[in-house]
Amino acid sequence: MVSSDNLLAQDLDMILSRTEPLWAELRGERIFITGGTGFFGCWLLESFAWPNDRLKLDARAVVLTRDAGAFRKRIPRLAAHPAISFHAGDVRSFDFPPGGFSHVIHAATEASAKLNTEQPLVMFDTIVAGTRRALELARHSGAKKFLLTSSGAVYGRQPPELAHIPEDYPGGPDPTNPNSAYGEGKRAAEMLCTLFHRQHGLETKIARCFAFVGPHLPLDAHFAIGNFIRDALNGGSVKINGDGTPFRSYLYAADLAAWLWTILFKGQACRPYNVGSEEALNIAQVAELVVKTINPTLKVEIARVAVKGQSAERYVPSARRAAEELHLRPQTPLAEAVRRTVQ
């Protein structure tokens, strides 16, 4: 069995091989990252430190966090990297650190289904005010490029007859439904990026992110595939709370990192790019794949019987724009992504 350190090194080498010509842009520069201690952020920091060391970029990353101590306990090796430092603050109101930044990545999002249901106003305010603050920091510090990690939630409910949702789909969340706070917040965040681009010339890049799997993914949150992996690792049956019919697609975290850096460096300003896999599986199939990969003797339990004749919900992107304009394609099959996550 390959060690987890070797697997990580393989992933980071893969990211570097796909992005190496782009990194010269960061030579000697200083970047600012919000959300740097979450799932996205951990991968951004891993994939920043790796080329920084190997290509001798002499770049530095300042990471906004509410709790640097917790991150140091969780990933001490990364937290101790000499090119990475932390800046304490809330994304909605943090003080601007001194000095300039060439690039700002706004990856801070409270992507919590529980928060969206119980405190939608907090959810909406965190996304919108946090994006505004990050954009102001970029303008204040002289940054040239800004990346927003937006979401496929901006499209609202995907029509069941639309197999893959494209960036020009005109739909959106229901603004009278409090559960739309997350999606509407992301829509407002994209509008803020557009306005800052027009008024201040900031190159604002937009990545509409869908579903992912990989190391650092929480196994106790609302991410179905993470919960399935948790159940399988615990040796019990893998439980599906619904009827197993909704369709999802999953991009591996190393692919995600390669896509995000490419969009930041090469993407067109204010032209959103879907980030995700086009390989659609229903939730029952995802659970079965997890079981087959981890322990084929386990059972999958589905809580509800599907309603006959009812169209299945879908949340699957079209990745054609990213493929055609930025040459981005998934490199890691889902079964391999699950295996690497587990290991």
Foldseek 3Di string as FASTA:
>chain_A
DDDLVVLLVVLLVVLCVLCVVLCLVQQLFEEEEEPLQALLNVLLLSNVLVCCVVVVRNYAYEYEDQPLPVSCVVCVVSSPRPRYHYAYDQLLDGDQDDAAGAEYEYPDAPPALVCLVPPLVVRLSSLQSSLVSSLVSNLVRVYQFYEYEAALQQQAFDPLVDLAAEPPRPHGHDPVDSSSSRNVSSVNSLVSQVVCCVPPVRQYFYEHEYAEFAASDDLPGPRLLSVLLVCVVVPAAREAAAAQQEKGFYAYSSLVSSLRSLRRRPNGGSRYAYDTASDIDTRVVSSCLLCVLRPVVHHYHYNDHDDPPDRHTYGGHDRVCCCPRRVRDGDADPSRSSNSRSD
